[in-house]
Amino acid sequence: MPVRLKKLIGTVLIVILVMLYALLATTFATLALSQSPWWVHLAYFALTGVLWVLPAMLIIKWMAGPRQR
């Protein structure tokens, strides 16, 4: 697969990942944490704010993978 195509697909996947992840994380926080204290909200959003990086790293690793000859 050409490198430019891999980068295009990876970029689109990362944008979709971030949008879906933000939607799901916020929806869960709204439904499940509505009566929780402020520190639970802080811990939840700190954790979920960093957690999306793990799947994004896999996509970036795939994008930067070795070229096929």
PDB file of N, CA and C in Angstrom:
ATOM      1  N   MET A   1       0.848  -1.171   0.000  1.00  0.00           N
ATOM      2  CA  MET A   1       0.000   0.000   0.000  1.00  0.00           C
ATOM      3  C   MET A   1       0.896   1.238   0.000  1.00  0.00           C
ATOM      4  N   PRO A   2       0.591   2.204  -0.842  1.00  0.00           N
ATOM      5  CA  PRO A   2       1.401   3.436  -0.870  1.00  0.00           C
ATOM      6  C   PRO A   2       1.346   4.184   0.462  1.00  0.00           C
ATOM      7  N   VAL A   3       2.441   4.835   0.777  1.00  0.00           N
ATOM      8  CA  VAL A   3       2.557   5.549   2.055  1.00  0.00           C
ATOM      9  C   VAL A   3       1.522   6.667   2.153  1.00  0.00           C
ATOM     10  N   ARG A   4       1.298   7.377   1.065  1.00  0.00           N
ATOM     11  CA  ARG A   4       0.331   8.486   1.099  1.00  0.00           C
ATOM     12  C   ARG A   4      -1.073   7.982   1.402  1.00  0.00           C
ATOM     13  N   LEU A   5      -1.437   6.833   0.858  1.00  0.00           N
ATOM     14  CA  LEU A   5      -2.756   6.259   1.124  1.00  0.00           C
ATOM     15  C   LEU A   5      -2.864   5.807   2.573  1.00  0.00           C
ATOM     16  N   LYS A   6      -1.793   5.197   3.098  1.00  0.00           N
ATOM     17  CA  LYS A   6      -1.785   4.796   4.509  1.00  0.00           C
ATOM     18  C   LYS A   6      -1.969   6.005   5.421  1.00  0.00           C
ATOM     19  N   LYS A   7      -1.296   7.098   5.106  1.00  0.00           N
ATOM     20  CA  LYS A   7      -1.404   8.293   5.937  1.00  0.00           C
ATOM     21  C   LYS A   7      -2.788   8.907   5.853  1.00  0.00           C
ATOM     22  N   LEU A   8      -3.398   8.889   4.685  1.00  0.00           N
ATOM     23  CA  LEU A   8      -4.757   9.404   4.541  1.00  0.00           C
ATOM     24  C   LEU A   8      -5.738   8.565   5.347  1.00  0.00           C
ATOM     25  N   ILE A   9      -5.652   7.240   5.203  1.00  0.00           N
ATOM     26  CA  ILE A   9      -6.543   6.353   5.945  1.00  0.00           C
ATOM     27  C   ILE A   9      -6.319   6.501   7.448  1.00  0.00           C
ATOM     28  N   GLY A  10      -5.071   6.562   7.877  1.00  0.00           N
ATOM     29  CA  GLY A  10      -4.768   6.714   9.298  1.00  0.00           C
ATOM     30  C   GLY A  10      -5.281   8.023   9.864  1.00  0.00           C
ATOM     31  N   THR A  11      -5.162   9.100   9.110  1.00  0.00           N
ATOM     32  CA  THR A  11      -5.649  10.399   9.567  1.00  0.00           C
ATOM     33  C   THR A  11      -7.167  10.376   9.730  1.00  0.00           C
ATOM     34  N   VAL A  12      -7.849   9.807   8.771  1.00  0.00           N
ATOM     35  CA  VAL A  12      -9.313   9.704   8.857  1.00  0.00           C
ATOM     36  C   VAL A  12      -9.712   8.833  10.047  1.00  0.00           C
ATOM     37  N   LEU A  13      -9.007   7.728  10.252  1.00  0.00           N
ATOM     38  CA  LEU A  13      -9.310   6.853  11.395  1.00  0.00           C
ATOM     39  C   LEU A  13      -9.091   7.558  12.731  1.00  0.00           C
ATOM     40  N   ILE A  14      -8.033   8.340  12.837  1.00  0.00           N
ATOM     41  CA  ILE A  14      -7.776   9.052  14.097  1.00  0.00           C
ATOM     42  C   ILE A  14      -8.852  10.101  14.361  1.00  0.00           C
ATOM     43  N   VAL A  15      -9.273  10.814  13.332  1.00  0.00           N
ATOM     44  CA  VAL A  15     -10.334  11.812  13.516  1.00  0.00           C
ATOM     45  C   VAL A  15     -11.628  11.138  13.960  1.00  0.00           C
ATOM     46  N   ILE A  16     -11.977  10.017  13.327  1.00  0.00           N
ATOM     47  CA  ILE A  16     -13.190   9.285  13.716  1.00  0.00           C
ATOM     48  C   ILE A  16     -13.049   8.745  15.132  1.00  0.00           C
ATOM     49  N   LEU A  17     -11.873   8.210  15.467  1.00  0.00           N
ATOM     50  CA  LEU A  17     -11.626   7.697  16.817  1.00  0.00           C
ATOM     51  C   LEU A  17     -11.827   8.778  17.868  1.00  0.00           C
ATOM     52  N   VAL A  18     -11.266   9.947  17.644  1.00  0.00           N
ATOM     53  CA  VAL A  18     -11.367  11.027  18.633  1.00  0.00           C
ATOM     54  C   VAL A  18     -12.815  11.483  18.788  1.00  0.00           C
ATOM     55  N   MET A  19     -13.525  11.604  17.684  1.00  0.00           N
ATOM     56  CA  MET A  19     -14.919  12.046  17.762  1.00  0.00           C
ATOM     57  C   MET A  19     -15.789  11.027  18.502  1.00  0.00           C
ATOM     58  N   LEU A  20     -15.664   9.759  18.155  1.00  0.00           N
ATOM     59  CA  LEU A  20     -16.458   8.726  18.828  1.00  0.00           C
ATOM     60  C   LEU A  20     -16.066   8.577  20.293  1.00  0.00           C
ATOM     61  N   TYR A  21     -14.787   8.627  20.570  1.00  0.00           N
ATOM     62  CA  TYR A  21     -14.312   8.483  21.939  1.00  0.00           C
ATOM     63  C   TYR A  21     -14.820   9.621  22.824  1.00  0.00           C
ATOM     64  N   ALA A  22     -14.752  10.843  22.306  1.00  0.00           N
ATOM     65  CA  ALA A  22     -15.237  11.991  23.079  1.00  0.00           C
ATOM     66  C   ALA A  22     -16.737  11.877  23.329  1.00  0.00           C
ATOM     67  N   LEU A  23     -17.469  11.457  22.323  1.00  0.00           N
ATOM     68  CA  LEU A  23     -18.915  11.298  22.474  1.00  0.00           C
ATOM     69  C   LEU A  23     -19.244  10.232  23.511  1.00  0.00           C
ATOM     70  N   LEU A  24     -18.586   9.088  23.435  1.00  0.00           N
ATOM     71  CA  LEU A  24     -18.856   8.017  24.392  1.00  0.00           C
ATOM     72  C   LEU A  24     -18.413   8.378  25.806  1.00  0.00           C
ATOM     73  N   ALA A  25     -17.254   8.984  25.946  1.00  0.00           N
ATOM     74  CA  ALA A  25     -16.765   9.347  27.280  1.00  0.00           C
ATOM     75  C   ALA A  25     -17.663  10.391  27.937  1.00  0.00           C
ATOM     76  N   THR A  26     -18.104  11.363  27.171  1.00  0.00           N
ATOM     77  CA  THR A  26     -18.974  12.404  27.724  1.00  0.00           C
ATOM     78  C   THR A  26     -20.357  11.858  28.039  1.00  0.00           C
ATOM     79  N   THR A  27     -20.869  10.996  27.181  1.00  0.00           N
ATOM     80  CA  THR A  27     -22.181  10.392  27.434  1.00  0.00           C
ATOM     81  C   THR A  27     -22.145   9.550  28.697  1.00  0.00           C
ATOM     82  N   PHE A  28     -21.107   8.742  28.854  1.00  0.00           N
ATOM     83  CA  PHE A  28     -20.989   7.937  30.060  1.00  0.00           C
ATOM     84  C   PHE A  28     -20.874   8.815  31.293  1.00  0.00           C
ATOM     85  N   ALA A  29     -20.088   9.875  31.216  1.00  0.00           N
ATOM     86  CA  ALA A  29     -19.931  10.772  32.362  1.00  0.00           C
ATOM     87  C   ALA A  29     -21.251  11.440  32.720  1.00  0.00           C
ATOM     88  N   THR A  30     -22.016  11.823  31.711  1.00  0.00           N
ATOM     89  CA  THR A  30     -23.293  12.469  31.973  1.00  0.00           C
ATOM     90  C   THR A  30     -24.279  11.516  32.635  1.00  0.00           C
ATOM     91  N   LEU A  31     -24.302  10.285  32.172  1.00  0.00           N
ATOM     92  CA  LEU A  31     -25.272   9.316  32.695  1.00  0.00           C
ATOM     93  C   LEU A  31     -24.852   8.713  34.036  1.00  0.00           C
ATOM     94  N   ALA A  32     -23.606   8.372  34.176  1.00  0.00           N
ATOM     95  CA  ALA A  32     -23.176   7.617  35.350  1.00  0.00           C
ATOM     96  C   ALA A  32     -22.591   8.480  36.472  1.00  0.00           C
ATOM     97  N   LEU A  33     -22.060   9.637  36.144  1.00  0.00           N
ATOM     98  CA  LEU A  33     -21.369  10.427  37.156  1.00  0.00           C
ATOM     99  C   LEU A  33     -22.109  11.701  37.547  1.00  0.00           C
ATOM    100  N   SER A  34     -23.383  11.772  37.259  1.00  0.00           N
ATOM    101  CA  SER A  34     -24.105  13.028  37.489  1.00  0.00           C
ATOM    102  C   SER A  34     -24.178  13.410  38.973  1.00  0.00           C
ATOM    103  N   GLN A  35     -24.203  12.448  39.862  1.00  0.00           N
ATOM    104  CA  GLN A  35     -24.303  12.736  41.293  1.00  0.00           C
ATOM    105  C   GLN A  35     -22.971  12.567  42.029  1.00  0.00           C
ATOM    106  N   SER A  36     -21.906  12.389  41.307  1.00  0.00           N
ATOM    107  CA  SER A  36     -20.595  12.163  41.927  1.00  0.00           C
ATOM    108  C   SER A  36     -19.952  13.479  42.351  1.00  0.00           C
ATOM    109  N   PRO A  37     -19.042  13.416  43.314  1.00  0.00           N
ATOM    110  CA  PRO A  37     -18.326  14.632  43.729  1.00  0.00           C
ATOM    111  C   PRO A  37     -17.365  15.121  42.642  1.00  0.00           C
ATOM    112  N   TRP A  38     -16.867  16.336  42.816  1.00  0.00           N
ATOM    113  CA  TRP A  38     -16.033  16.969  41.800  1.00  0.00           C
ATOM    114  C   TRP A  38     -14.752  16.207  41.535  1.00  0.00           C
ATOM    115  N   TRP A  39     -14.179  15.584  42.559  1.00  0.00           N
ATOM    116  CA  TRP A  39     -12.910  14.897  42.378  1.00  0.00           C
ATOM    117  C   TRP A  39     -13.062  13.625  41.540  1.00  0.00           C
ATOM    118  N   VAL A  40     -14.257  13.006  41.567  1.00  0.00           N
ATOM    119  CA  VAL A  40     -14.511  11.846  40.709  1.00  0.00           C
ATOM    120  C   VAL A  40     -14.559  12.298  39.256  1.00  0.00           C
ATOM    121  N   HIS A  41     -15.204  13.431  39.012  1.00  0.00           N
ATOM    122  CA  HIS A  41     -15.241  13.992  37.649  1.00  0.00           C
ATOM    123  C   HIS A  41     -13.824  14.330  37.171  1.00  0.00           C
ATOM    124  N   LEU A  42     -13.045  14.938  38.043  1.00  0.00           N
ATOM    125  CA  LEU A  42     -11.681  15.297  37.686  1.00  0.00           C
ATOM    126  C   LEU A  42     -10.855  14.062  37.336  1.00  0.00           C
ATOM    127  N   ALA A  43     -10.946  13.031  38.172  1.00  0.00           N
ATOM    128  CA  ALA A  43     -10.195  11.804  37.919  1.00  0.00           C
ATOM    129  C   ALA A  43     -10.672  11.121  36.634  1.00  0.00           C
ATOM    130  N   TYR A  44     -11.977  11.078  36.426  1.00  0.00           N
ATOM    131  CA  TYR A  44     -12.529  10.430  35.231  1.00  0.00           C
ATOM    132  C   TYR A  44     -12.065  11.136  33.960  1.00  0.00           C
ATOM    133  N   PHE A  45     -12.193  12.458  33.928  1.00  0.00           N
ATOM    134  CA  PHE A  45     -11.818  13.176  32.717  1.00  0.00           C
ATOM    135  C   PHE A  45     -10.302  13.223  32.523  1.00  0.00           C
ATOM    136  N   ALA A  46      -9.527  13.178  33.599  1.00  0.00           N
ATOM    137  CA  ALA A  46      -8.072  13.081  33.454  1.00  0.00           C
ATOM    138  C   ALA A  46      -7.696  11.731  32.843  1.00  0.00           C
ATOM    139  N   LEU A  47      -8.327  10.671  33.318  1.00  0.00           N
ATOM    140  CA  LEU A  47      -8.038   9.336  32.794  1.00  0.00           C
ATOM    141  C   LEU A  47      -8.509   9.194  31.350  1.00  0.00           C
ATOM    142  N   THR A  48      -9.733   9.574  31.080  1.00  0.00           N
ATOM    143  CA  THR A  48     -10.255   9.411  29.720  1.00  0.00           C
ATOM    144  C   THR A  48      -9.619  10.405  28.745  1.00  0.00           C
ATOM    145  N   GLY A  49      -9.109  11.508  29.256  1.00  0.00           N
ATOM    146  CA  GLY A  49      -8.437  12.465  28.392  1.00  0.00           C
ATOM    147  C   GLY A  49      -7.105  11.953  27.884  1.00  0.00           C
ATOM    148  N   VAL A  50      -6.516  11.007  28.583  1.00  0.00           N
ATOM    149  CA  VAL A  50      -5.237  10.444  28.180  1.00  0.00           C
ATOM    150  C   VAL A  50      -5.413   9.075  27.519  1.00  0.00           C
ATOM    151  N   LEU A  51      -6.484   8.384  27.834  1.00  0.00           N
ATOM    152  CA  LEU A  51      -6.680   7.008  27.387  1.00  0.00           C
ATOM    153  C   LEU A  51      -6.858   6.864  25.879  1.00  0.00           C
ATOM    154  N   TRP A  52      -7.352   7.887  25.209  1.00  0.00           N
ATOM    155  CA  TRP A  52      -7.558   7.789  23.765  1.00  0.00           C
ATOM    156  C   TRP A  52      -6.248   7.691  23.002  1.00  0.00           C
ATOM    157  N   VAL A  53      -5.156   8.043  23.663  1.00  0.00           N
ATOM    158  CA  VAL A  53      -3.854   8.027  23.006  1.00  0.00           C
ATOM    159  C   VAL A  53      -3.424   6.591  22.659  1.00  0.00           C
ATOM    160  N   LEU A  54      -3.824   5.611  23.449  1.00  0.00           N
ATOM    161  CA  LEU A  54      -3.403   4.230  23.203  1.00  0.00           C
ATOM    162  C   LEU A  54      -3.867   3.704  21.840  1.00  0.00           C
ATOM    163  N   PRO A  55      -5.161   3.779  21.494  1.00  0.00           N
ATOM    164  CA  PRO A  55      -5.526   3.326  20.148  1.00  0.00           C
ATOM    165  C   PRO A  55      -4.966   4.221  19.051  1.00  0.00           C
ATOM    166  N   ALA A  56      -4.805   5.510  19.329  1.00  0.00           N
ATOM    167  CA  ALA A  56      -4.227   6.408  18.327  1.00  0.00           C
ATOM    168  C   ALA A  56      -2.767   6.036  18.059  1.00  0.00           C
ATOM    169  N   MET A  57      -2.050   5.597  19.087  1.00  0.00           N
ATOM    170  CA  MET A  57      -0.665   5.177  18.890  1.00  0.00           C
ATOM    171  C   MET A  57      -0.586   3.956  17.975  1.00  0.00           C
ATOM    172  N   LEU A  58      -1.526   3.048  18.102  1.00  0.00           N
ATOM    173  CA  LEU A  58      -1.538   1.878  17.227  1.00  0.00           C
ATOM    174  C   LEU A  58      -1.776   2.279  15.773  1.00  0.00           C
ATOM    175  N   ILE A  59      -2.671   3.230  15.569  1.00  0.00           N
ATOM    176  CA  ILE A  59      -2.938   3.704  14.209  1.00  0.00           C
ATOM    177  C   ILE A  59      -1.700   4.404  13.649  1.00  0.00           C
ATOM    178  N   ILE A  60      -1.049   5.222  14.458  1.00  0.00           N
ATOM    179  CA  ILE A  60       0.148   5.928  13.997  1.00  0.00           C
ATOM    180  C   ILE A  60       1.277   4.945  13.707  1.00  0.00           C
ATOM    181  N   LYS A  61       1.406   3.919  14.541  1.00  0.00           N
ATOM    182  CA  LYS A  61       2.423   2.901  14.291  1.00  0.00           C
ATOM    183  C   LYS A  61       2.154   2.182  12.970  1.00  0.00           C
ATOM    184  N   TRP A  62       0.894   1.897  12.682  1.00  0.00           N
ATOM    185  CA  TRP A  62       0.540   1.272  11.409  1.00  0.00           C
ATOM    186  C   TRP A  62       0.863   2.209  10.242  1.00  0.00           C
ATOM    187  N   MET A  63       0.562   3.500  10.417  1.00  0.00           N
ATOM    188  CA  MET A  63       0.824   4.467   9.362  1.00  0.00           C
ATOM    189  C   MET A  63       2.320   4.566   9.054  1.00  0.00           C
ATOM    190  N   ALA A  64       3.151   4.497  10.072  1.00  0.00           N
ATOM    191  CA  ALA A  64       4.588   4.678   9.900  1.00  0.00           C
ATOM    192  C   ALA A  64       5.322   3.366   9.706  1.00  0.00           C
ATOM    193  N   GLY A  65       4.579   2.299   9.491  1.00  0.00           N
ATOM    194  CA  GLY A  65       5.188   0.979   9.348  1.00  0.00           C
ATOM    195  C   GLY A  65       6.134   0.893   8.169  1.00  0.00           C
ATOM    196  N   PRO A  66       6.813  -0.243   8.057  1.00  0.00           N
ATOM    197  CA  PRO A  66       7.788  -0.397   6.983  1.00  0.00           C
ATOM    198  C   PRO A  66       7.120  -0.379   5.612  1.00  0.00           C
ATOM    199  N   ARG A  67       7.821   0.163   4.662  1.00  0.00           N
ATOM    200  CA  ARG A  67       7.317   0.219   3.293  1.00  0.00           C
ATOM    201  C   ARG A  67       7.437  -1.165   2.645  1.00  0.00           C
ATOM    202  N   GLN A  68       6.463  -1.454   1.810  1.00  0.00           N
ATOM    203  CA  GLN A  68       6.544  -2.679   1.022  1.00  0.00           C
ATOM    204  C   GLN A  68       7.212  -2.347  -0.300  1.00  0.00           C
ATOM    205  N   ARG A  69       8.088  -3.211  -0.756  1.00  0.00           N
ATOM    206  CA  ARG A  69       8.808  -2.957  -2.011  1.00  0.00           C
ATOM    207  C   ARG A  69       8.173  -3.701  -3.146  1.00  0.00           C
TER     208      ARG A  69
END
